[in-house]
Structures are given as C-alpha cells and as structure tokens.
PDB file of all heavy atoms in Angstrom:
ATOM      1  N   MET A   1      21.380  81.754 -83.628  1.00  0.00           N
ATOM      2  CA  MET A   1      20.595  80.859 -82.782  1.00  0.00           C
ATOM      3  C   MET A   1      19.121  81.252 -82.791  1.00  0.00           C
ATOM      4  O   MET A   1      18.228  80.395 -82.860  1.00  0.00           O
ATOM      5  CB  MET A   1      21.148  80.901 -81.357  1.00  0.00           C
ATOM      6  CG  MET A   1      20.557  79.877 -80.409  1.00  0.00           C
ATOM      7  SD  MET A   1      21.312  78.268 -80.589  1.00  0.00           S
ATOM      8  CE  MET A   1      20.366  77.318 -79.393  1.00  0.00           C
ATOM      9  N   THR A   2      18.853  82.549 -82.735  1.00  0.00           N
ATOM     10  CA  THR A   2      17.469  83.017 -82.795  1.00  0.00           C
ATOM     11  C   THR A   2      16.842  82.685 -84.148  1.00  0.00           C
ATOM     12  O   THR A   2      15.708  82.185 -84.224  1.00  0.00           O
ATOM     13  CB  THR A   2      17.399  84.535 -82.553  1.00  0.00           C
ATOM     14  OG1 THR A   2      17.730  84.804 -81.194  1.00  0.00           O
ATOM     15  CG2 THR A   2      15.993  85.065 -82.828  1.00  0.00           C
ATOM     16  N   LEU A   3      17.549  82.961 -85.231  1.00  0.00           N
ATOM     17  CA  LEU A   3      17.017  82.682 -86.565  1.00  0.00           C
ATOM     18  C   LEU A   3      16.739  81.194 -86.757  1.00  0.00           C
ATOM     19  O   LEU A   3      15.706  80.810 -87.320  1.00  0.00           O
ATOM     20  CB  LEU A   3      18.005  83.177 -87.631  1.00  0.00           C
ATOM     21  CG  LEU A   3      18.222  84.686 -87.698  1.00  0.00           C
ATOM     22  CD1 LEU A   3      19.302  85.021 -88.728  1.00  0.00           C
ATOM     23  CD2 LEU A   3      16.921  85.397 -88.035  1.00  0.00           C
ATOM     24  N   ALA A   4      17.641  80.342 -86.279  1.00  0.00           N
ATOM     25  CA  ALA A   4      17.443  78.902 -86.408  1.00  0.00           C
ATOM     26  C   ALA A   4      16.238  78.441 -85.603  1.00  0.00           C
ATOM     27  O   ALA A   4      15.441  77.613 -86.060  1.00  0.00           O
ATOM     28  CB  ALA A   4      18.703  78.164 -85.951  1.00  0.00           C
ATOM     29  N   GLY A   5      16.087  78.975 -84.388  1.00  0.00           N
ATOM     30  CA  GLY A   5      14.949  78.589 -83.561  1.00  0.00           C
ATOM     31  C   GLY A   5      13.626  79.007 -84.171  1.00  0.00           C
ATOM     32  O   GLY A   5      12.645  78.244 -84.156  1.00  0.00           O
ATOM     33  N   MET A   6      13.585  80.207 -84.749  1.00  0.00           N
ATOM     34  CA  MET A   6      12.335  80.698 -85.320  1.00  0.00           C
ATOM     35  C   MET A   6      11.955  79.971 -86.603  1.00  0.00           C
ATOM     36  O   MET A   6      10.814  80.076 -87.070  1.00  0.00           O
ATOM     37  CB  MET A   6      12.447  82.206 -85.562  1.00  0.00           C
ATOM     38  CG  MET A   6      12.570  83.000 -84.262  1.00  0.00           C
ATOM     39  SD  MET A   6      12.668  84.799 -84.489  1.00  0.00           S
ATOM     40  CE  MET A   6      11.011  85.152 -85.064  1.00  0.00           C
ATOM     41  N   SER A   7      12.888  79.216 -87.162  1.00  0.00           N
ATOM     42  CA  SER A   7      12.562  78.408 -88.341  1.00  0.00           C
ATOM     43  C   SER A   7      11.647  77.239 -87.987  1.00  0.00           C
ATOM     44  O   SER A   7      10.998  76.668 -88.860  1.00  0.00           O
ATOM     45  CB  SER A   7      13.849  77.866 -88.976  1.00  0.00           C
ATOM     46  OG  SER A   7      14.407  76.820 -88.179  1.00  0.00           O
ATOM     47  N   GLY A   8      11.623  76.872 -86.706  1.00  0.00           N
ATOM     48  CA  GLY A   8      10.803  75.752 -86.271  1.00  0.00           C
ATOM     49  C   GLY A   8      11.454  74.401 -86.459  1.00  0.00           C
ATOM     50  O   GLY A   8      10.876  73.374 -86.093  1.00  0.00           O
ATOM     51  N   GLU A   9      12.664  74.375 -87.004  1.00  0.00           N
ATOM     52  CA  GLU A   9      13.388  73.122 -87.250  1.00  0.00           C
ATOM     53  C   GLU A   9      14.333  72.849 -86.084  1.00  0.00           C
ATOM     54  O   GLU A   9      15.329  73.551 -85.914  1.00  0.00           O
ATOM     55  CB  GLU A   9      14.172  73.202 -88.557  1.00  0.00           C
ATOM     56  CG  GLU A   9      13.316  73.386 -89.798  1.00  0.00           C
ATOM     57  CD  GLU A   9      12.476  72.153 -90.090  1.00  0.00           C
ATOM     58  OE1 GLU A   9      12.890  71.042 -89.708  1.00  0.00           O
ATOM     59  OE2 GLU A   9      11.393  72.312 -90.682  1.00  0.00           O
ATOM     60  N   VAL A  10      14.020  71.839 -85.295  1.00  0.00           N
ATOM     61  CA  VAL A  10      14.815  71.588 -84.101  1.00  0.00           C
ATOM     62  C   VAL A  10      16.252  71.216 -84.443  1.00  0.00           C
ATOM     63  O   VAL A  10      17.192  71.633 -83.757  1.00  0.00           O
ATOM     64  CB  VAL A  10      14.156  70.501 -83.219  1.00  0.00           C
ATOM     65  CG1 VAL A  10      14.116  69.148 -83.934  1.00  0.00           C
ATOM     66  CG2 VAL A  10      14.894  70.374 -81.888  1.00  0.00           C
ATOM     67  N   LEU A  11      16.471  70.461 -85.509  1.00  0.00           N
ATOM     68  CA  LEU A  11      17.842  70.076 -85.850  1.00  0.00           C
ATOM     69  C   LEU A  11      18.662  71.268 -86.312  1.00  0.00           C
ATOM     70  O   LEU A  11      19.870  71.330 -86.057  1.00  0.00           O
ATOM     71  CB  LEU A  11      17.824  68.989 -86.929  1.00  0.00           C
ATOM     72  CG  LEU A  11      17.239  67.643 -86.496  1.00  0.00           C
ATOM     73  CD1 LEU A  11      17.335  66.626 -87.628  1.00  0.00           C
ATOM     74  CD2 LEU A  11      17.974  67.109 -85.257  1.00  0.00           C
ATOM     75  N   LEU A  12      18.016  72.238 -86.962  1.00  0.00           N
ATOM     76  CA  LEU A  12      18.716  73.462 -87.333  1.00  0.00           C
ATOM     77  C   LEU A  12      19.112  74.237 -86.083  1.00  0.00           C
ATOM     78  O   LEU A  12      20.217  74.791 -85.993  1.00  0.00           O
ATOM     79  CB  LEU A  12      17.830  74.312 -88.236  1.00  0.00           C
ATOM     80  CG  LEU A  12      18.484  75.544 -88.891  1.00  0.00           C
ATOM     81  CD1 LEU A  12      19.650  75.114 -89.776  1.00  0.00           C
ATOM     82  CD2 LEU A  12      17.459  76.321 -89.701  1.00  0.00           C
ATOM     83  N   ALA A  13      18.226  74.261 -85.088  1.00  0.00           N
ATOM     84  CA  ALA A  13      18.528  74.928 -83.819  1.00  0.00           C
ATOM     85  C   ALA A  13      19.650  74.216 -83.077  1.00  0.00           C
ATOM     86  O   ALA A  13      20.502  74.857 -82.447  1.00  0.00           O
ATOM     87  CB  ALA A  13      17.272  74.992 -82.951  1.00  0.00           C
ATOM     88  N   VAL A  14      19.667  72.892 -83.143  1.00  0.00           N
ATOM     89  CA  VAL A  14      20.748  72.129 -82.513  1.00  0.00           C
ATOM     90  C   VAL A  14      22.075  72.454 -83.184  1.00  0.00           C
ATOM     91  O   VAL A  14      23.104  72.642 -82.522  1.00  0.00           O
ATOM     92  CB  VAL A  14      20.450  70.617 -82.574  1.00  0.00           C
ATOM     93  CG1 VAL A  14      21.667  69.807 -82.111  1.00  0.00           C
ATOM     94  CG2 VAL A  14      19.242  70.275 -81.716  1.00  0.00           C
ATOM     95  N   GLY A  15      22.073  72.549 -84.524  1.00  0.00           N
ATOM     96  CA  GLY A  15      23.294  72.913 -85.244  1.00  0.00           C
ATOM     97  C   GLY A  15      23.774  74.298 -84.896  1.00  0.00           C
ATOM     98  O   GLY A  15      24.980  74.541 -84.725  1.00  0.00           O
ATOM     99  N   ALA A  16      22.834  75.247 -84.769  1.00  0.00           N
ATOM    100  CA  ALA A  16      23.207  76.603 -84.379  1.00  0.00           C
ATOM    101  C   ALA A  16      23.787  76.617 -82.969  1.00  0.00           C
ATOM    102  O   ALA A  16      24.756  77.333 -82.686  1.00  0.00           O
ATOM    103  CB  ALA A  16      21.995  77.524 -84.464  1.00  0.00           C
ATOM    104  N   GLY A  17      23.204  75.811 -82.086  1.00  0.00           N
ATOM    105  CA  GLY A  17      23.735  75.710 -80.732  1.00  0.00           C
ATOM    106  C   GLY A  17      25.148  75.168 -80.720  1.00  0.00           C
ATOM    107  O   GLY A  17      25.998  75.597 -79.923  1.00  0.00           O
ATOM    108  N   PHE A  18      25.430  74.230 -81.614  1.00  0.00           N
ATOM    109  CA  PHE A  18      26.786  73.689 -81.726  1.00  0.00           C
ATOM    110  C   PHE A  18      27.772  74.787 -82.125  1.00  0.00           C
ATOM    111  O   PHE A  18      28.878  74.874 -81.580  1.00  0.00           O
ATOM    112  CB  PHE A  18      26.816  72.554 -82.742  1.00  0.00           C
ATOM    113  CG  PHE A  18      28.153  71.874 -82.875  1.00  0.00           C
ATOM    114  CD1 PHE A  18      28.477  70.784 -82.080  1.00  0.00           C
ATOM    115  CD2 PHE A  18      29.100  72.338 -83.783  1.00  0.00           C
ATOM    116  CE1 PHE A  18      29.719  70.154 -82.199  1.00  0.00           C
ATOM    117  CE2 PHE A  18      30.337  71.718 -83.900  1.00  0.00           C
ATOM    118  CZ  PHE A  18      30.643  70.626 -83.108  1.00  0.00           C
ATOM    119  N   LEU A  19      27.369  75.653 -83.069  1.00  0.00           N
ATOM    120  CA  LEU A  19      28.245  76.745 -83.502  1.00  0.00           C
ATOM    121  C   LEU A  19      28.488  77.743 -82.373  1.00  0.00           C
ATOM    122  O   LEU A  19      29.602  78.259 -82.220  1.00  0.00           O
ATOM    123  CB  LEU A  19      27.639  77.455 -84.708  1.00  0.00           C
ATOM    124  CG  LEU A  19      27.609  76.664 -86.019  1.00  0.00           C
ATOM    125  CD1 LEU A  19      26.938  77.476 -87.115  1.00  0.00           C
ATOM    126  CD2 LEU A  19      29.015  76.246 -86.446  1.00  0.00           C
ATOM    127  N   VAL A  20      27.457  78.022 -81.583  1.00  0.00           N
ATOM    128  CA  VAL A  20      27.642  78.894 -80.421  1.00  0.00           C
ATOM    129  C   VAL A  20      28.650  78.265 -79.459  1.00  0.00           C
ATOM    130  O   VAL A  20      29.555  78.938 -78.943  1.00  0.00           O
ATOM    131  CB  VAL A  20      26.307  79.166 -79.710  1.00  0.00           C
ATOM    132  CG1 VAL A  20      26.541  79.944 -78.412  1.00  0.00           C
ATOM    133  CG2 VAL A  20      25.360  79.947 -80.608  1.00  0.00           C
ATOM    134  N   GLY A  21      28.493  76.970 -79.221  1.00  0.00           N
ATOM    135  CA  GLY A  21      29.425  76.272 -78.341  1.00  0.00           C
ATOM    136  C   GLY A  21      30.847  76.312 -78.869  1.00  0.00           C
ATOM    137  O   GLY A  21      31.807  76.475 -78.104  1.00  0.00           O
ATOM    138  N   MET A  22      30.999  76.165 -80.184  1.00  0.00           N
ATOM    139  CA  MET A  22      32.329  76.226 -80.787  1.00  0.00           C
ATOM    140  C   MET A  22      32.949  77.603 -80.575  1.00  0.00           C
ATOM    141  O   MET A  22      34.133  77.725 -80.232  1.00  0.00           O
ATOM    142  CB  MET A  22      32.236  75.911 -82.268  1.00  0.00           C
ATOM    143  CG  MET A  22      33.572  75.904 -82.994  1.00  0.00           C
ATOM    144  SD  MET A  22      33.432  75.373 -84.724  1.00  0.00           S
ATOM    145  CE  MET A  22      32.577  76.808 -85.418  1.00  0.00           C
ATOM    146  N   GLY A  23      32.149  78.666 -80.778  1.00  0.00           N
ATOM    147  CA  GLY A  23      32.660  80.010 -80.551  1.00  0.00           C
ATOM    148  C   GLY A  23      33.075  80.227 -79.108  1.00  0.00           C
ATOM    149  O   GLY A  23      34.124  80.830 -78.832  1.00  0.00           O
ATOM    150  N   CYS A  24      32.260  79.736 -78.179  1.00  0.00           N
ATOM    151  CA  CYS A  24      32.610  79.842 -76.756  1.00  0.00           C
ATOM    152  C   CYS A  24      33.931  79.135 -76.480  1.00  0.00           C
ATOM    153  O   CYS A  24      34.798  79.655 -75.762  1.00  0.00           O
ATOM    154  CB  CYS A  24      31.499  79.233 -75.895  1.00  0.00           C
ATOM    155  SG  CYS A  24      29.978  80.203 -75.819  1.00  0.00           S
ATOM    156  N   ALA A  25      34.094  77.935 -77.040  1.00  0.00           N
ATOM    157  CA  ALA A  25      35.300  77.144 -76.801  1.00  0.00           C
ATOM    158  C   ALA A  25      36.544  77.880 -77.284  1.00  0.00           C
ATOM    159  O   ALA A  25      37.548  77.977 -76.567  1.00  0.00           O
ATOM    160  CB  ALA A  25      35.178  75.793 -77.498  1.00  0.00           C
ATOM    161  N   PHE A  26      36.497  78.394 -78.516  1.00  0.00           N
ATOM    162  CA  PHE A  26      37.661  79.081 -79.059  1.00  0.00           C
ATOM    163  C   PHE A  26      38.007  80.327 -78.237  1.00  0.00           C
ATOM    164  O   PHE A  26      39.173  80.591 -77.945  1.00  0.00           O
ATOM    165  CB  PHE A  26      37.398  79.487 -80.512  1.00  0.00           C
ATOM    166  CG  PHE A  26      37.341  78.320 -81.466  1.00  0.00           C
ATOM    167  CD1 PHE A  26      36.893  78.504 -82.766  1.00  0.00           C
ATOM    168  CD2 PHE A  26      37.724  77.046 -81.090  1.00  0.00           C
ATOM    169  CE1 PHE A  26      36.837  77.448 -83.661  1.00  0.00           C
ATOM    170  CE2 PHE A  26      37.665  75.972 -81.971  1.00  0.00           C
ATOM    171  CZ  PHE A  26      37.220  76.187 -83.265  1.00  0.00           C
ATOM    172  N   ALA A  27      36.981  81.112 -77.866  1.00  0.00           N
ATOM    173  CA  ALA A  27      37.220  82.340 -77.115  1.00  0.00           C
ATOM    174  C   ALA A  27      37.736  82.043 -75.714  1.00  0.00           C
ATOM    175  O   ALA A  27      38.669  82.700 -75.220  1.00  0.00           O
ATOM    176  CB  ALA A  27      35.943  83.166 -77.054  1.00  0.00           C
ATOM    177  N   GLU A  28      37.147  81.070 -75.043  1.00  0.00           N
ATOM    178  CA  GLU A  28      37.577  80.731 -73.682  1.00  0.00           C
ATOM    179  C   GLU A  28      39.004  80.213 -73.677  1.00  0.00           C
ATOM    180  O   GLU A  28      39.806  80.548 -72.777  1.00  0.00           O
ATOM    181  CB  GLU A  28      36.632  79.696 -73.083  1.00  0.00           C
ATOM    182  CG  GLU A  28      35.239  80.213 -72.821  1.00  0.00           C
ATOM    183  CD  GLU A  28      34.205  79.104 -72.695  1.00  0.00           C
ATOM    184  OE1 GLU A  28      34.603  77.916 -72.603  1.00  0.00           O
ATOM    185  OE2 GLU A  28      33.008  79.421 -72.699  1.00  0.00           O
ATOM    186  N   GLY A  29      39.344  79.361 -74.655  1.00  0.00           N
ATOM    187  CA  GLY A  29      40.711  78.872 -74.748  1.00  0.00           C
ATOM    188  C   GLY A  29      41.700  80.007 -74.968  1.00  0.00           C
ATOM    189  O   GLY A  29      42.791  80.024 -74.400  1.00  0.00           O
ATOM    190  N   ALA A  30      41.292  80.991 -75.785  1.00  0.00           N
ATOM    191  CA  ALA A  30      42.159  82.142 -76.038  1.00  0.00           C
ATOM    192  C   ALA A  30      42.325  82.995 -74.789  1.00  0.00           C
ATOM    193  O   ALA A  30      43.429  83.458 -74.479  1.00  0.00           O
ATOM    194  CB  ALA A  30      41.567  82.975 -77.181  1.00  0.00           C
ATOM    195  N   ILE A  31      41.229  83.212 -74.064  1.00  0.00           N
ATOM    196  CA  ILE A  31      41.280  84.050 -72.862  1.00  0.00           C
ATOM    197  C   ILE A  31      42.206  83.443 -71.819  1.00  0.00           C
ATOM    198  O   ILE A  31      43.052  84.138 -71.230  1.00  0.00           O
ATOM    199  CB  ILE A  31      39.860  84.247 -72.293  1.00  0.00           C
ATOM    200  CG1 ILE A  31      39.031  85.140 -73.224  1.00  0.00           C
ATOM    201  CG2 ILE A  31      39.919  84.853 -70.879  1.00  0.00           C
ATOM    202  CD1 ILE A  31      37.550  85.114 -72.933  1.00  0.00           C
ATOM    203  N   PHE A  32      42.067  82.132 -71.596  1.00  0.00           N
ATOM    204  CA  PHE A  32      42.905  81.522 -70.562  1.00  0.00           C
ATOM    205  C   PHE A  32      44.257  81.058 -71.069  1.00  0.00           C
ATOM    206  O   PHE A  32      45.020  80.439 -70.335  1.00  0.00           O
ATOM    207  CB  PHE A  32      42.133  80.426 -69.825  1.00  0.00           C
ATOM    208  CG  PHE A  32      41.421  80.995 -68.635  1.00  0.00           C
ATOM    209  CD1 PHE A  32      40.114  81.412 -68.723  1.00  0.00           C
ATOM    210  CD2 PHE A  32      42.090  81.183 -67.441  1.00  0.00           C
ATOM    211  CE1 PHE A  32      39.465  81.987 -67.641  1.00  0.00           C
ATOM    212  CE2 PHE A  32      41.470  81.755 -66.353  1.00  0.00           C
ATOM    213  CZ  PHE A  32      40.152  82.154 -66.453  1.00  0.00           C
ATOM    214  N   ALA A  33      44.568  81.362 -72.325  1.00  0.00           N
ATOM    215  CA  ALA A  33      45.967  81.348 -72.746  1.00  0.00           C
ATOM    216  C   ALA A  33      46.623  82.668 -72.351  1.00  0.00           C
ATOM    217  O   ALA A  33      47.800  82.718 -72.018  1.00  0.00           O
ATOM    218  CB  ALA A  33      46.057  81.145 -74.258  1.00  0.00           C
ATOM    219  N   GLN A  34      45.845  83.751 -72.367  1.00  0.00           N
ATOM    220  CA  GLN A  34      46.385  85.072 -72.013  1.00  0.00           C
ATOM    221  C   GLN A  34      46.607  85.225 -70.515  1.00  0.00           C
ATOM    222  O   GLN A  34      47.580  85.854 -70.083  1.00  0.00           O
ATOM    223  CB  GLN A  34      45.440  86.168 -72.493  1.00  0.00           C
ATOM    224  CG  GLN A  34      45.471  86.415 -73.991  1.00  0.00           C
ATOM    225  CD  GLN A  34      44.678  87.641 -74.392  1.00  0.00           C
ATOM    226  OE1 GLN A  34      43.710  87.542 -75.122  1.00  0.00           O
ATOM    227  NE2 GLN A  34      45.092  88.797 -73.903  1.00  0.00           N
ATOM    228  N   VAL A  35      45.703  84.682 -69.692  1.00  0.00           N
ATOM    229  CA  VAL A  35      45.756  84.940 -68.251  1.00  0.00           C
ATOM    230  C   VAL A  35      47.101  84.553 -67.635  1.00  0.00           C
ATOM    231  O   VAL A  35      47.795  85.408 -67.059  1.00  0.00           O
ATOM    232  CB  VAL A  35      44.577  84.268 -67.526  1.00  0.00           C
ATOM    233  CG1 VAL A  35      44.810  84.242 -66.015  1.00  0.00           C
ATOM    234  CG2 VAL A  35      43.273  84.978 -67.837  1.00  0.00           C
ATOM    235  N   PRO A  36      47.533  83.287 -67.694  1.00  0.00           N
ATOM    236  CA  PRO A  36      48.808  82.952 -67.047  1.00  0.00           C
ATOM    237  C   PRO A  36      50.012  83.514 -67.786  1.00  0.00           C
ATOM    238  O   PRO A  36      51.071  83.714 -67.181  1.00  0.00           O
ATOM    239  CB  PRO A  36      48.813  81.416 -67.048  1.00  0.00           C
ATOM    240  CG  PRO A  36      47.914  81.031 -68.173  1.00  0.00           C
ATOM    241  CD  PRO A  36      46.874  82.099 -68.262  1.00  0.00           C
TER     242      PRO A  36
END
C-alpha cells in the first residue's frame, strides 16, 4: 500500500487497497471460524 501510494498513481493505490481488504476478509473469516 505504501509503495503504490508513493508511485503517485491513484488507481494503483486503489488496487493495493483492494488487496489489503481481501487479506483482511480472509483472515477475519478464518479467525471467526475458529472462535465458535
């Protein structure tokens, strides 16, 4: 996300943000499969 932002390309930063969101989604789903 930092590297994409420093490129100055907003669409590249948006794409990087999407990947961060995807990682959050997968990890959160895994965590709350374990809890119950």
